[in-house]
Amino acid sequence: MKAHKTLSMVAAGICAGLLTASTAQALTYRVSAADRDASVAPYSGGHAFWLPDNGSGTNIPNGNSSKFVFKNDSGLLTVSDDKTSARLTGTIQAVGKASSMWDVDIMFILGMDSATYKNDHVDPKGDTHDGKVKRELYSHAYADNGGTVDPDTWRYFYMDESNATLKGAAGSGYEGTTLDLYQRPNGADYGKYVFQLGEGASGKNLKMGMSGWLGYTTAETGEQESYRSYRRWGSRSSRYSRYSRYNCGPKGYSGYGDINIDLEPIPEPVSAGLTMMGLGALTLTTRRRRS
């Protein structure tokens, strides 16, 4: 009898411990591009990062492709157990130009619930704001209009601008180039809109997602590259050289963009296995009692 009680207590302890541990673990999500659901979203999707190129090479060197997706499912978002911070990592690749790749490493801080965000929260610079929600879906998608998306359930984060970069990935031709990121809007409107996380928060569909606006700058230098081109003018051929500004220096890239991502929770297989062990032990004690 004592053995049964001991085994039962151990099994119950395992299950309780695992439940406690699971609530204390960081949440990890697989990140993918947010595709547009035309029934609820007015704006185009299909990108994780939207980084427009003006074609002059004075902003991001991506070969005139604005849409970036995570390469080989490399995108991960890890949210702390208390949901006050998060980290986005992975390698993004330009759609239509596989050689344009950037390693992502962005920290988010001051995660807060909707009530805190909307009522005089303090930003990383020490100023107070009444935060605004970016409602990018059609109005009928939101709970106050009969829909399923409730921004009051979302979490709101600031970008940690001291720990937010895009770095030229290996094999991209941009190795050594670092784009330092900052949150937009900045200036006087800093804190008016921040990064939002929750169901429907990507602004592209109803799924669990995240979105926000960003800008970037860099003042790095690099080697000048050139190529030759030919153009026909009337009956004559005029040969000329022009310089590619994508990998030449001095570089002073600057630009802006968006993040729009879908999030899929990654299960914890180890915890699940141990939970089954605990449940199995409980089943065994029950069977022994019946016998």
Protein backbone atom coordinates (compact mmCIF):
# COMPACT_ATOMS: atom_id res chain seq x y z
CA MET A 1 0.00 0.00 0.00
CA LYS A 2 2.81 2.36 0.91
CA ALA A 3 4.50 1.54 -2.39
CA HIS A 4 1.31 2.43 -4.23
CA LYS A 5 1.06 5.74 -2.40
CA THR A 6 4.69 6.54 -3.03
CA LEU A 7 4.41 5.74 -6.73
CA SER A 8 1.22 7.77 -7.00
CA MET A 9 2.85 10.74 -5.28
CA VAL A 10 5.88 10.55 -7.55
CA ALA A 11 3.74 10.36 -10.67
CA ALA A 12 1.58 13.26 -9.54
CA GLY A 13 4.71 15.22 -8.72
CA ILE A 14 6.12 14.58 -12.20
CA CYS A 15 2.94 15.79 -13.88
CA ALA A 16 2.63 18.85 -11.64
CA GLY A 17 6.28 19.68 -12.12
CA LEU A 18 6.01 19.36 -15.87
CA LEU A 19 2.93 21.56 -15.98
CA THR A 20 4.74 24.19 -13.94
CA ALA A 21 7.83 23.93 -16.11
CA SER A 22 5.84 24.17 -19.32
CA THR A 23 4.27 27.42 -18.19
CA ALA A 24 7.70 28.78 -17.31
CA GLN A 25 9.31 27.88 -20.64
CA ALA A 26 9.88 30.38 -23.40
CA LEU A 27 7.50 30.06 -26.34
CA THR A 28 9.15 29.31 -29.66
CA TYR A 29 7.41 29.88 -32.98
CA ARG A 30 8.28 28.84 -36.50
CA VAL A 31 8.15 32.01 -38.60
CA SER A 32 6.92 32.28 -42.17
CA ALA A 33 5.78 34.96 -44.59
CA ALA A 34 2.26 36.24 -43.93
CA ASP A 35 0.10 35.39 -46.93
CA ARG A 36 -2.87 37.58 -47.65
CA ASP A 37 -6.38 36.30 -46.98
CA ALA A 38 -8.36 38.42 -49.42
CA SER A 39 -11.56 37.99 -47.41
CA VAL A 40 -10.14 39.98 -44.50
CA ALA A 41 -7.04 41.84 -45.73
CA PRO A 42 -6.91 44.68 -48.28
CA TYR A 43 -3.13 44.76 -48.73
CA SER A 44 -0.80 42.34 -50.50
CA GLY A 45 1.16 39.72 -48.56
CA GLY A 46 3.54 36.88 -49.30
CA HIS A 47 6.50 38.41 -47.50
CA ALA A 48 8.09 38.20 -44.07
CA PHE A 49 10.06 41.42 -44.63
CA TRP A 50 9.03 44.10 -47.11
CA LEU A 51 12.13 46.12 -47.97
CA PRO A 52 11.59 48.31 -51.05
CA ASP A 53 14.54 49.14 -53.29
CA ASN A 54 14.53 52.46 -55.11
CA GLY A 55 16.80 51.01 -57.81
CA SER A 56 19.60 53.48 -57.24
CA GLY A 57 21.50 51.36 -54.73
CA THR A 58 21.28 54.10 -52.10
CA ASN A 59 19.09 51.95 -49.91
CA ILE A 60 19.05 48.19 -49.38
CA PRO A 61 21.02 46.27 -52.02
CA ASN A 62 18.47 43.64 -52.97
CA GLY A 63 18.23 43.69 -56.75
CA ASN A 64 14.92 45.57 -56.97
CA SER A 65 12.97 42.91 -55.07
CA SER A 66 10.92 44.22 -52.17
CA LYS A 67 9.68 40.89 -50.81
CA PHE A 68 11.82 38.72 -48.55
CA VAL A 69 10.96 35.33 -47.07
CA PHE A 70 12.80 33.12 -44.59
CA LYS A 71 15.17 30.70 -46.27
CA ASN A 72 14.71 26.99 -45.57
CA ASP A 73 12.28 27.60 -42.69
CA SER A 74 15.08 29.27 -40.72
CA GLY A 75 12.84 31.88 -39.10
CA LEU A 76 12.28 31.56 -35.36
CA LEU A 77 10.61 33.84 -32.81
CA THR A 78 11.32 33.09 -29.16
CA VAL A 79 9.12 34.83 -26.59
CA SER A 80 10.20 34.89 -22.95
CA ASP A 81 8.09 33.04 -20.41
CA ASP A 82 6.80 36.31 -18.95
CA LYS A 83 6.09 37.64 -22.46
CA THR A 84 8.05 40.83 -21.89
CA SER A 85 10.75 40.18 -24.50
CA ALA A 86 11.23 38.30 -27.75
CA ARG A 87 13.93 37.56 -30.32
CA LEU A 88 13.50 37.10 -34.07
CA THR A 89 16.24 35.21 -35.94
CA GLY A 90 16.81 33.50 -39.28
CA THR A 91 17.99 34.23 -42.81
CA ILE A 92 15.77 36.12 -45.24
CA GLN A 93 16.08 35.81 -49.01
CA ALA A 94 14.75 38.08 -51.72
CA VAL A 95 11.93 36.63 -53.79
CA GLY A 96 13.27 36.25 -57.31
CA LYS A 97 16.89 36.81 -56.35
CA ALA A 98 18.29 33.93 -54.32
CA SER A 99 21.68 35.59 -53.87
CA SER A 100 20.20 38.49 -51.89
CA MET A 101 20.23 37.21 -48.31
CA TRP A 102 20.39 38.81 -44.87
CA ASP A 103 20.80 37.28 -41.43
CA VAL A 104 18.12 38.60 -39.06
CA ASP A 105 18.69 39.20 -35.35
CA ILE A 106 16.14 41.47 -33.69
CA MET A 107 15.37 41.81 -30.00
CA PHE A 108 12.01 43.12 -28.80
CA ILE A 109 11.51 44.50 -25.30
CA LEU A 110 8.91 46.02 -22.94
CA GLY A 111 6.27 43.49 -23.96
CA MET A 112 2.94 44.59 -22.50
CA ASP A 113 -0.75 43.84 -22.63
CA SER A 114 -3.28 46.01 -24.40
CA ALA A 115 -4.45 47.91 -21.31
CA THR A 116 -0.90 48.92 -20.41
CA TYR A 117 -0.01 49.82 -23.98
CA LYS A 118 -3.00 52.08 -24.48
CA ASN A 119 -2.74 53.98 -21.21
CA ASP A 120 0.36 56.11 -20.63
CA HIS A 121 3.00 53.40 -20.95
CA VAL A 122 6.66 54.43 -20.71
CA ASP A 123 8.80 53.83 -23.81
CA PRO A 124 12.53 52.87 -23.80
CA LYS A 125 13.43 56.57 -24.03
CA GLY A 126 11.49 57.44 -20.89
CA ASP A 127 8.54 59.17 -22.54
CA THR A 128 4.89 58.24 -22.03
CA HIS A 129 2.41 57.36 -24.75
CA ASP A 130 -1.15 56.26 -25.33
CA GLY A 131 -0.37 53.50 -27.83
CA LYS A 132 -2.37 52.96 -31.00
CA VAL A 133 -3.33 49.67 -32.65
CA LYS A 134 -2.57 49.11 -36.32
CA ARG A 135 -5.84 47.79 -37.70
CA GLU A 136 -4.80 46.73 -41.19
CA LEU A 137 -7.57 44.18 -41.76
CA TYR A 138 -11.05 45.01 -42.99
CA SER A 139 -13.22 46.30 -40.14
CA HIS A 140 -15.50 43.24 -40.17
CA ALA A 141 -12.54 41.05 -39.09
CA TYR A 142 -12.36 42.68 -35.64
CA ALA A 143 -14.31 41.61 -32.56
CA ASP A 144 -16.00 44.97 -32.07
CA ASN A 145 -17.59 44.48 -35.50
CA GLY A 146 -18.55 40.83 -35.06
CA GLY A 147 -15.25 39.31 -36.18
CA THR A 148 -12.79 37.04 -34.39
CA VAL A 149 -9.73 39.31 -34.10
CA ASP A 150 -9.45 41.05 -30.74
CA PRO A 151 -6.48 43.44 -30.40
CA ASP A 152 -7.11 43.55 -26.64
CA THR A 153 -5.62 40.02 -26.48
CA TRP A 154 -2.41 41.01 -28.30
CA ARG A 155 1.03 41.71 -26.86
CA TYR A 156 2.84 44.91 -27.80
CA PHE A 157 6.63 45.24 -28.05
CA TYR A 158 9.27 47.85 -28.72
CA MET A 159 12.26 47.04 -30.89
CA ASP A 160 15.49 47.08 -28.92
CA GLU A 161 17.37 49.34 -31.33
CA SER A 162 20.72 48.47 -29.74
CA ASN A 163 20.17 44.81 -30.63
CA ALA A 164 18.49 44.83 -34.03
CA THR A 165 20.39 44.14 -37.25
CA LEU A 166 20.32 42.67 -40.72
CA LYS A 167 23.76 41.35 -41.70
CA GLY A 168 24.81 40.27 -45.16
CA ALA A 169 24.59 36.47 -45.20
CA ALA A 170 27.40 34.19 -46.39
CA GLY A 171 27.34 33.82 -50.15
CA SER A 172 25.15 36.86 -50.68
CA GLY A 173 27.84 39.27 -51.81
CA TYR A 174 26.91 41.55 -48.93
CA GLU A 175 29.15 39.97 -46.30
CA GLY A 176 30.51 42.59 -43.95
CA THR A 177 27.52 44.89 -44.44
CA THR A 178 25.37 45.49 -41.38
CA LEU A 179 22.06 47.31 -41.51
CA ASP A 180 21.23 48.83 -38.12
CA LEU A 181 17.49 48.77 -37.54
CA TYR A 182 15.23 51.21 -35.76
CA GLN A 183 11.53 51.33 -35.03
CA ARG A 184 9.18 53.42 -37.13
CA PRO A 185 7.58 55.82 -36.75
CA ASN A 186 10.42 57.58 -35.01
CA GLY A 187 10.96 61.20 -34.04
CA ALA A 188 7.97 62.90 -32.46
CA ASP A 189 5.71 59.93 -33.27
CA TYR A 190 7.96 57.33 -31.64
CA GLY A 191 5.81 55.00 -29.54
CA LYS A 192 2.59 55.80 -31.36
CA TYR A 193 2.70 52.39 -33.06
CA VAL A 194 4.86 49.45 -31.97
CA PHE A 195 5.22 45.79 -32.92
CA GLN A 196 2.09 43.79 -32.24
CA LEU A 197 1.75 40.02 -31.70
CA GLY A 198 -1.41 37.92 -31.64
CA GLU A 199 -4.12 36.38 -33.77
CA GLY A 200 -4.67 38.64 -36.77
CA ALA A 201 -1.76 40.89 -35.79
CA SER A 202 0.15 40.35 -39.05
CA GLY A 203 -2.39 42.50 -40.86
CA LYS A 204 -2.61 39.90 -43.65
CA ASN A 205 -4.82 37.12 -42.27
CA LEU A 206 -6.49 35.74 -39.13
CA LYS A 207 -3.58 33.53 -38.05
CA MET A 208 -1.24 34.01 -35.10
CA GLY A 209 1.22 36.60 -36.32
CA MET A 210 3.29 39.71 -35.78
CA SER A 211 3.86 42.98 -37.61
CA GLY A 212 5.60 46.32 -37.30
CA TRP A 213 7.40 49.08 -39.17
CA LEU A 214 11.15 49.57 -39.27
CA GLY A 215 13.92 51.64 -40.80
CA TYR A 216 17.62 50.96 -41.30
CA THR A 217 20.90 52.76 -41.80
CA THR A 218 24.58 51.95 -42.32
CA ALA A 219 27.70 53.95 -43.07
CA GLU A 220 30.05 51.11 -43.98
CA THR A 221 32.49 51.16 -46.88
CA GLY A 222 33.26 48.53 -49.48
CA GLU A 223 35.02 47.85 -52.75
CA GLN A 224 33.86 49.44 -55.97
CA GLU A 225 32.58 47.15 -58.70
CA SER A 226 31.70 47.97 -62.28
CA TYR A 227 30.25 46.31 -65.33
CA ARG A 228 29.90 47.20 -69.02
CA SER A 229 26.69 47.52 -70.91
CA TYR A 230 25.70 48.33 -74.49
CA ARG A 231 22.84 50.40 -75.77
CA ARG A 232 21.78 51.16 -79.35
CA TRP A 233 21.07 54.81 -80.16
CA GLY A 234 19.41 55.08 -83.59
CA SER A 235 21.71 53.53 -86.20
CA ARG A 236 24.84 53.70 -84.00
CA SER A 237 25.98 51.61 -81.08
CA SER A 238 27.26 53.51 -78.12
CA ARG A 239 29.38 51.64 -75.66
CA TYR A 240 29.60 52.94 -72.12
CA SER A 241 30.41 51.85 -68.60
CA ARG A 242 28.26 52.29 -65.58
CA TYR A 243 28.99 51.41 -61.98
CA SER A 244 26.91 49.13 -59.85
CA ARG A 245 26.17 50.96 -56.60
CA TYR A 246 25.18 47.77 -54.75
CA ASN A 247 28.63 46.77 -53.47
CA CYS A 248 30.59 49.95 -53.81
CA GLY A 249 31.84 52.42 -51.29
CA PRO A 250 31.53 54.59 -49.53
CA LYS A 251 28.13 53.11 -48.73
CA GLY A 252 25.51 55.03 -46.83
CA TYR A 253 22.48 52.81 -47.17
CA SER A 254 19.23 53.84 -45.59
CA GLY A 255 15.66 52.79 -46.08
CA TYR A 256 12.51 51.49 -44.45
CA GLY A 257 10.25 48.46 -44.46
CA ASP A 258 7.73 46.24 -42.73
CA ILE A 259 7.66 42.92 -40.93
CA ASN A 260 4.56 40.77 -41.54
CA ILE A 261 4.90 37.20 -40.29
CA ASP A 262 2.81 34.16 -39.45
CA LEU A 263 3.71 32.24 -36.28
CA GLU A 264 3.30 28.53 -35.64
CA PRO A 265 4.10 27.24 -32.13
CA ILE A 266 6.84 24.62 -31.97
CA PRO A 267 5.91 21.84 -29.50
CA GLU A 268 8.31 20.66 -26.81
CA PRO A 269 8.72 16.92 -27.54
CA VAL A 270 10.82 16.22 -24.43
CA SER A 271 8.26 17.71 -22.08
CA ALA A 272 5.50 15.85 -23.88
CA GLY A 273 7.37 12.57 -23.47
CA LEU A 274 7.95 13.10 -19.78
CA THR A 275 4.31 14.01 -19.31
CA MET A 276 3.33 10.68 -20.86
CA MET A 277 5.66 8.94 -18.42
CA GLY A 278 3.91 10.66 -15.54
CA LEU A 279 0.49 9.76 -16.87
CA GLY A 280 1.67 6.20 -17.38
CA ALA A 281 2.77 5.98 -13.77
CA LEU A 282 -0.61 7.27 -12.62
CA THR A 283 -2.35 4.64 -14.77
CA LEU A 284 -0.17 1.93 -13.26
CA THR A 285 -1.06 2.94 -9.71
CA THR A 286 -4.76 2.99 -10.62
CA ARG A 287 -4.57 -0.53 -12.06
CA ARG A 288 -2.75 -1.83 -8.98
CA ARG A 289 -5.39 -0.36 -6.70
CA ARG A 290 -8.15 -2.08 -8.68
CA SER A 291 -6.34 -5.40 -8.53
